[in-house]
N, C-alpha and C. Protein backbone atom coordinates (compact mmCIF):
# COMPACT_ATOMS: atom_id res chain seq x y z
N MET A 1 45.44 -135.40 47.11
CA MET A 1 45.71 -135.55 45.70
C MET A 1 46.03 -134.19 45.10
N SER A 2 47.01 -134.15 44.25
CA SER A 2 47.44 -132.91 43.61
C SER A 2 46.50 -132.52 42.48
N ASP A 3 46.23 -131.23 42.36
CA ASP A 3 45.39 -130.72 41.27
C ASP A 3 46.28 -130.51 40.06
N PRO A 4 46.06 -131.25 38.95
CA PRO A 4 46.94 -131.15 37.79
C PRO A 4 46.91 -129.79 37.10
N THR A 5 45.91 -128.97 37.38
CA THR A 5 45.83 -127.67 36.73
C THR A 5 46.65 -126.62 37.47
N GLY A 6 47.11 -126.95 38.67
CA GLY A 6 47.87 -125.97 39.44
C GLY A 6 47.00 -125.03 40.23
N ALA A 7 45.66 -125.13 40.09
CA ALA A 7 44.76 -124.25 40.84
C ALA A 7 44.34 -124.98 42.11
N ARG A 8 44.57 -124.37 43.26
CA ARG A 8 44.13 -125.01 44.49
C ARG A 8 43.34 -124.01 45.30
N SER A 9 42.38 -124.51 46.03
CA SER A 9 41.51 -123.65 46.81
C SER A 9 42.29 -123.01 47.95
N THR A 10 42.15 -121.70 48.10
CA THR A 10 42.81 -121.00 49.20
C THR A 10 41.80 -120.53 50.23
N SER A 11 40.52 -120.50 49.88
CA SER A 11 39.49 -120.08 50.82
C SER A 11 38.13 -120.44 50.25
N GLY A 12 37.72 -121.67 50.43
CA GLY A 12 36.42 -122.10 49.94
C GLY A 12 36.46 -122.48 48.48
N PRO A 13 35.30 -122.85 47.96
CA PRO A 13 35.25 -123.39 46.59
C PRO A 13 35.38 -122.35 45.48
N TYR A 14 35.36 -121.06 45.80
CA TYR A 14 35.34 -120.05 44.75
C TYR A 14 36.61 -119.21 44.67
N LEU A 15 37.64 -119.61 45.38
CA LEU A 15 38.92 -118.90 45.34
C LEU A 15 40.01 -119.94 45.15
N HIS A 16 40.75 -119.86 44.04
CA HIS A 16 41.72 -120.88 43.70
C HIS A 16 43.07 -120.26 43.34
N GLU A 17 44.08 -120.60 44.13
CA GLU A 17 45.44 -120.13 43.86
C GLU A 17 46.01 -120.87 42.66
N VAL A 18 46.74 -120.17 41.81
CA VAL A 18 47.37 -120.78 40.63
C VAL A 18 48.86 -120.90 40.93
N GLU A 19 49.35 -122.14 41.00
CA GLU A 19 50.77 -122.37 41.27
C GLU A 19 51.34 -123.31 40.23
N PRO A 20 52.40 -122.95 39.57
CA PRO A 20 53.04 -121.64 39.64
C PRO A 20 52.17 -120.60 38.94
N ALA A 21 52.45 -119.33 39.19
CA ALA A 21 51.70 -118.26 38.52
C ALA A 21 51.77 -118.47 37.01
N CYS A 22 50.67 -118.18 36.34
CA CYS A 22 50.54 -118.46 34.91
C CYS A 22 50.79 -117.19 34.09
N PRO A 23 51.71 -117.23 33.11
CA PRO A 23 51.91 -116.08 32.24
C PRO A 23 50.69 -115.86 31.34
N VAL A 24 50.15 -114.66 31.34
CA VAL A 24 48.96 -114.34 30.55
C VAL A 24 49.17 -113.05 29.77
N TRP A 25 48.31 -112.86 28.78
CA TRP A 25 48.18 -111.57 28.10
C TRP A 25 46.96 -110.89 28.69
N VAL A 26 47.08 -109.61 29.01
CA VAL A 26 45.98 -108.81 29.52
C VAL A 26 45.53 -107.89 28.40
N ASP A 27 44.27 -108.02 27.98
CA ASP A 27 43.72 -107.17 26.93
C ASP A 27 43.16 -105.91 27.59
N LEU A 28 43.93 -104.84 27.54
CA LEU A 28 43.56 -103.60 28.22
C LEU A 28 42.26 -103.00 27.68
N ARG A 29 41.91 -103.31 26.42
CA ARG A 29 40.65 -102.80 25.86
C ARG A 29 39.44 -103.34 26.63
N HIS A 30 39.56 -104.56 27.17
CA HIS A 30 38.48 -105.14 27.96
C HIS A 30 38.52 -104.68 29.42
N VAL A 31 39.73 -104.42 29.91
CA VAL A 31 39.87 -103.98 31.29
C VAL A 31 39.42 -102.52 31.44
N PHE A 32 39.78 -101.69 30.46
CA PHE A 32 39.47 -100.26 30.49
C PHE A 32 38.72 -99.87 29.21
N PRO A 33 37.43 -100.22 29.08
CA PRO A 33 36.71 -99.85 27.86
C PRO A 33 36.51 -98.33 27.81
N VAL A 34 37.09 -97.69 26.80
CA VAL A 34 37.04 -96.23 26.74
C VAL A 34 36.16 -95.68 25.62
N GLY A 35 35.65 -96.53 24.75
CA GLY A 35 34.78 -96.05 23.69
C GLY A 35 35.54 -95.34 22.58
N THR A 36 34.84 -94.51 21.85
CA THR A 36 35.40 -93.79 20.71
C THR A 36 36.41 -92.74 21.18
N PRO A 37 37.59 -92.69 20.54
CA PRO A 37 38.58 -91.68 20.94
C PRO A 37 38.03 -90.26 20.81
N ILE A 38 38.36 -89.43 21.77
CA ILE A 38 37.93 -88.03 21.77
C ILE A 38 38.99 -87.16 21.11
N ALA A 39 40.25 -87.48 21.37
CA ALA A 39 41.38 -86.73 20.81
C ALA A 39 42.61 -87.63 20.83
N SER A 40 43.65 -87.21 20.11
CA SER A 40 44.91 -87.94 20.12
C SER A 40 45.82 -87.36 21.19
N MET A 41 46.25 -88.20 22.13
CA MET A 41 47.15 -87.78 23.21
C MET A 41 48.32 -88.74 23.25
N PRO A 42 49.34 -88.52 22.40
CA PRO A 42 50.45 -89.47 22.30
C PRO A 42 51.21 -89.69 23.61
N ASP A 43 51.16 -88.75 24.53
CA ASP A 43 51.86 -88.90 25.80
C ASP A 43 50.96 -89.41 26.93
N GLY A 44 49.74 -89.82 26.58
CA GLY A 44 48.81 -90.33 27.59
C GLY A 44 48.99 -91.83 27.83
N LEU A 45 48.24 -92.36 28.76
CA LEU A 45 48.26 -93.80 29.02
C LEU A 45 47.71 -94.54 27.82
N ASP A 46 48.35 -95.65 27.44
CA ASP A 46 47.83 -96.48 26.36
C ASP A 46 47.02 -97.61 26.99
N LEU A 47 45.70 -97.48 26.92
CA LEU A 47 44.81 -98.48 27.50
C LEU A 47 44.18 -99.36 26.43
N THR A 48 44.85 -99.45 25.26
CA THR A 48 44.26 -100.20 24.14
C THR A 48 45.04 -101.44 23.76
N GLY A 49 46.17 -101.69 24.35
CA GLY A 49 47.02 -102.79 23.91
C GLY A 49 46.87 -104.05 24.73
N MET A 50 47.76 -105.00 24.43
CA MET A 50 47.88 -106.24 25.18
C MET A 50 49.21 -106.17 25.93
N VAL A 51 49.19 -106.45 27.22
CA VAL A 51 50.41 -106.43 28.01
C VAL A 51 50.59 -107.78 28.71
N PRO A 52 51.85 -108.18 28.95
CA PRO A 52 52.08 -109.43 29.66
C PRO A 52 51.79 -109.28 31.15
N GLY A 53 51.28 -110.34 31.75
CA GLY A 53 51.01 -110.34 33.18
C GLY A 53 51.19 -111.73 33.76
N LEU A 54 51.04 -111.83 35.08
CA LEU A 54 51.12 -113.11 35.78
C LEU A 54 49.84 -113.31 36.59
N LEU A 55 49.14 -114.38 36.29
CA LEU A 55 47.90 -114.76 36.98
C LEU A 55 48.25 -115.59 38.21
N SER A 56 47.77 -115.16 39.39
CA SER A 56 48.11 -115.90 40.62
C SER A 56 46.90 -116.52 41.32
N VAL A 57 45.70 -116.00 41.08
CA VAL A 57 44.50 -116.51 41.75
C VAL A 57 43.30 -116.37 40.82
N TRP A 58 42.40 -117.37 40.85
CA TRP A 58 41.09 -117.27 40.21
C TRP A 58 40.05 -117.11 41.31
N SER A 59 39.01 -116.31 41.06
CA SER A 59 37.90 -116.20 42.00
C SER A 59 36.60 -116.06 41.23
N ALA A 60 35.56 -116.71 41.74
CA ALA A 60 34.23 -116.54 41.16
C ALA A 60 33.67 -115.20 41.65
N THR A 61 32.86 -114.56 40.80
CA THR A 61 32.22 -113.31 41.19
C THR A 61 30.79 -113.62 41.63
N THR A 62 30.12 -112.64 42.19
CA THR A 62 28.73 -112.83 42.62
C THR A 62 27.78 -113.05 41.45
N THR A 63 28.23 -112.72 40.24
CA THR A 63 27.40 -112.90 39.05
C THR A 63 27.72 -114.18 38.30
N GLY A 64 28.64 -115.00 38.86
CA GLY A 64 28.98 -116.27 38.22
C GLY A 64 30.12 -116.19 37.23
N HIS A 65 30.68 -115.01 37.03
CA HIS A 65 31.85 -114.87 36.16
C HIS A 65 33.09 -115.24 36.95
N TRP A 66 34.21 -115.40 36.25
CA TRP A 66 35.48 -115.66 36.91
C TRP A 66 36.42 -114.49 36.68
N ALA A 67 37.15 -114.13 37.72
CA ALA A 67 38.13 -113.05 37.63
C ALA A 67 39.47 -113.59 38.12
N GLY A 68 40.53 -113.11 37.48
CA GLY A 68 41.88 -113.50 37.88
C GLY A 68 42.60 -112.35 38.54
N LEU A 69 43.36 -112.66 39.57
CA LEU A 69 44.21 -111.66 40.20
C LEU A 69 45.52 -111.65 39.42
N VAL A 70 45.79 -110.53 38.75
CA VAL A 70 46.90 -110.45 37.80
C VAL A 70 47.83 -109.29 38.15
N SER A 71 49.13 -109.55 38.06
CA SER A 71 50.14 -108.51 38.20
C SER A 71 50.66 -108.17 36.81
N PHE A 72 50.72 -106.88 36.49
CA PHE A 72 51.21 -106.44 35.18
C PHE A 72 51.69 -105.01 35.28
N MET A 73 52.41 -104.57 34.25
CA MET A 73 52.90 -103.20 34.20
C MET A 73 52.03 -102.39 33.25
N LEU A 74 51.67 -101.19 33.67
CA LEU A 74 50.93 -100.27 32.82
C LEU A 74 51.89 -99.16 32.43
N ASP A 75 52.14 -99.04 31.12
CA ASP A 75 53.08 -98.02 30.64
C ASP A 75 52.54 -96.63 30.96
N THR A 76 53.37 -95.87 31.62
CA THR A 76 53.03 -94.48 31.92
C THR A 76 54.14 -93.60 31.39
N PRO A 77 53.80 -92.62 30.55
CA PRO A 77 54.81 -91.76 29.94
C PRO A 77 55.71 -91.11 31.00
N GLY A 78 57.01 -91.16 30.73
CA GLY A 78 57.96 -90.51 31.61
C GLY A 78 58.42 -91.35 32.79
N SER A 79 57.71 -92.43 33.10
CA SER A 79 58.12 -93.23 34.26
C SER A 79 58.46 -94.67 33.89
N GLY A 80 58.22 -95.04 32.64
CA GLY A 80 58.55 -96.40 32.21
C GLY A 80 57.52 -97.44 32.58
N GLY A 81 56.60 -97.11 33.43
CA GLY A 81 55.55 -98.05 33.79
C GLY A 81 55.31 -98.10 35.29
N THR A 82 54.09 -98.44 35.64
CA THR A 82 53.74 -98.60 37.05
C THR A 82 53.17 -100.00 37.26
N PRO A 83 53.60 -100.66 38.33
CA PRO A 83 53.09 -102.01 38.58
C PRO A 83 51.62 -101.97 39.00
N GLN A 84 50.87 -102.89 38.47
CA GLN A 84 49.44 -103.03 38.78
C GLN A 84 49.21 -104.43 39.33
N ARG A 85 48.27 -104.57 40.24
CA ARG A 85 47.82 -105.88 40.71
C ARG A 85 46.34 -105.73 40.97
N GLN A 86 45.54 -106.36 40.11
CA GLN A 86 44.10 -106.17 40.23
C GLN A 86 43.35 -107.38 39.71
N TRP A 87 42.07 -107.44 40.07
CA TRP A 87 41.17 -108.48 39.57
C TRP A 87 40.74 -108.10 38.17
N ILE A 88 40.81 -109.07 37.26
CA ILE A 88 40.46 -108.85 35.86
C ILE A 88 39.55 -109.98 35.42
N LEU A 89 38.43 -109.64 34.78
CA LEU A 89 37.52 -110.68 34.29
C LEU A 89 38.21 -111.58 33.29
N SER A 90 37.85 -112.86 33.30
CA SER A 90 38.53 -113.86 32.47
C SER A 90 38.49 -113.55 30.98
N ASP A 91 37.46 -112.84 30.51
CA ASP A 91 37.36 -112.50 29.08
C ASP A 91 38.53 -111.64 28.60
N ALA A 92 39.18 -110.92 29.51
CA ALA A 92 40.29 -110.04 29.15
C ALA A 92 41.64 -110.71 29.30
N LEU A 93 41.65 -112.00 29.66
CA LEU A 93 42.91 -112.72 29.89
C LEU A 93 43.08 -113.84 28.88
N HIS A 94 44.31 -114.03 28.42
CA HIS A 94 44.63 -115.09 27.46
C HIS A 94 45.99 -115.68 27.84
N PRO A 95 46.13 -117.02 27.76
CA PRO A 95 47.43 -117.61 28.09
C PRO A 95 48.50 -117.16 27.11
N ARG A 96 49.71 -116.95 27.59
CA ARG A 96 50.80 -116.50 26.72
C ARG A 96 51.42 -117.63 25.92
N SER A 97 51.21 -118.87 26.32
CA SER A 97 51.78 -119.99 25.57
C SER A 97 50.91 -121.21 25.72
N GLU A 98 51.10 -122.18 24.83
CA GLU A 98 50.38 -123.44 24.92
C GLU A 98 50.71 -124.16 26.22
N VAL A 99 51.94 -124.02 26.68
CA VAL A 99 52.39 -124.70 27.90
C VAL A 99 51.56 -124.26 29.10
N GLY A 100 51.17 -122.99 29.14
CA GLY A 100 50.44 -122.46 30.29
C GLY A 100 48.94 -122.66 30.25
N ARG A 101 48.40 -123.28 29.20
CA ARG A 101 46.95 -123.39 29.06
C ARG A 101 46.28 -124.14 30.21
N ASP A 102 46.89 -125.22 30.70
CA ASP A 102 46.26 -125.96 31.79
C ASP A 102 46.20 -125.14 33.07
N HIS A 103 47.25 -124.36 33.37
CA HIS A 103 47.22 -123.51 34.55
C HIS A 103 46.28 -122.33 34.37
N PHE A 104 46.04 -121.95 33.12
CA PHE A 104 45.21 -120.79 32.84
C PHE A 104 43.73 -121.06 33.11
N ARG A 105 43.27 -122.27 32.85
CA ARG A 105 41.83 -122.56 32.95
C ARG A 105 41.31 -122.32 34.36
N HIS A 106 40.24 -121.53 34.47
CA HIS A 106 39.66 -121.31 35.79
C HIS A 106 38.79 -122.50 36.17
N PRO A 107 38.51 -122.67 37.45
CA PRO A 107 37.76 -123.83 37.92
C PRO A 107 36.37 -123.97 37.31
N GLY A 108 35.80 -122.91 36.75
CA GLY A 108 34.49 -122.99 36.13
C GLY A 108 34.52 -123.45 34.69
N THR A 109 35.72 -123.70 34.14
CA THR A 109 35.86 -124.14 32.76
C THR A 109 35.34 -125.57 32.62
N PRO A 110 34.47 -125.85 31.62
CA PRO A 110 34.01 -127.22 31.42
C PRO A 110 35.19 -128.17 31.26
N GLY A 111 35.13 -129.31 31.94
CA GLY A 111 36.21 -130.28 31.85
C GLY A 111 37.34 -130.03 32.82
N HIS A 112 37.23 -128.95 33.62
CA HIS A 112 38.29 -128.65 34.59
C HIS A 112 38.25 -129.72 35.67
N ALA A 113 39.40 -130.28 35.98
CA ALA A 113 39.47 -131.35 36.99
C ALA A 113 39.45 -130.77 38.39
């Protein structure tokens, strides 16, 4: 039977591939908490914004949280950006559209089929 959410197990009950990959917003403030600014560095990395990404896998953590494997670009001055692919806690991820909400939900979401 097909999983209507697009998440299918790739290795046991705690790792679920998202097909097709789900467009998400990555909240860099949650991924890289930096605290109070120390100085203004206009040519430094901007770790405070929201950037678009693609969610490809959900995984449960040892603490019961869910993390998504997300590909996104991190703007780096002078190079236009560097590709990133890393695990990000679900609190820092948001679906980019209403259409992607079903694919976005991780398997631990109440009501997830």
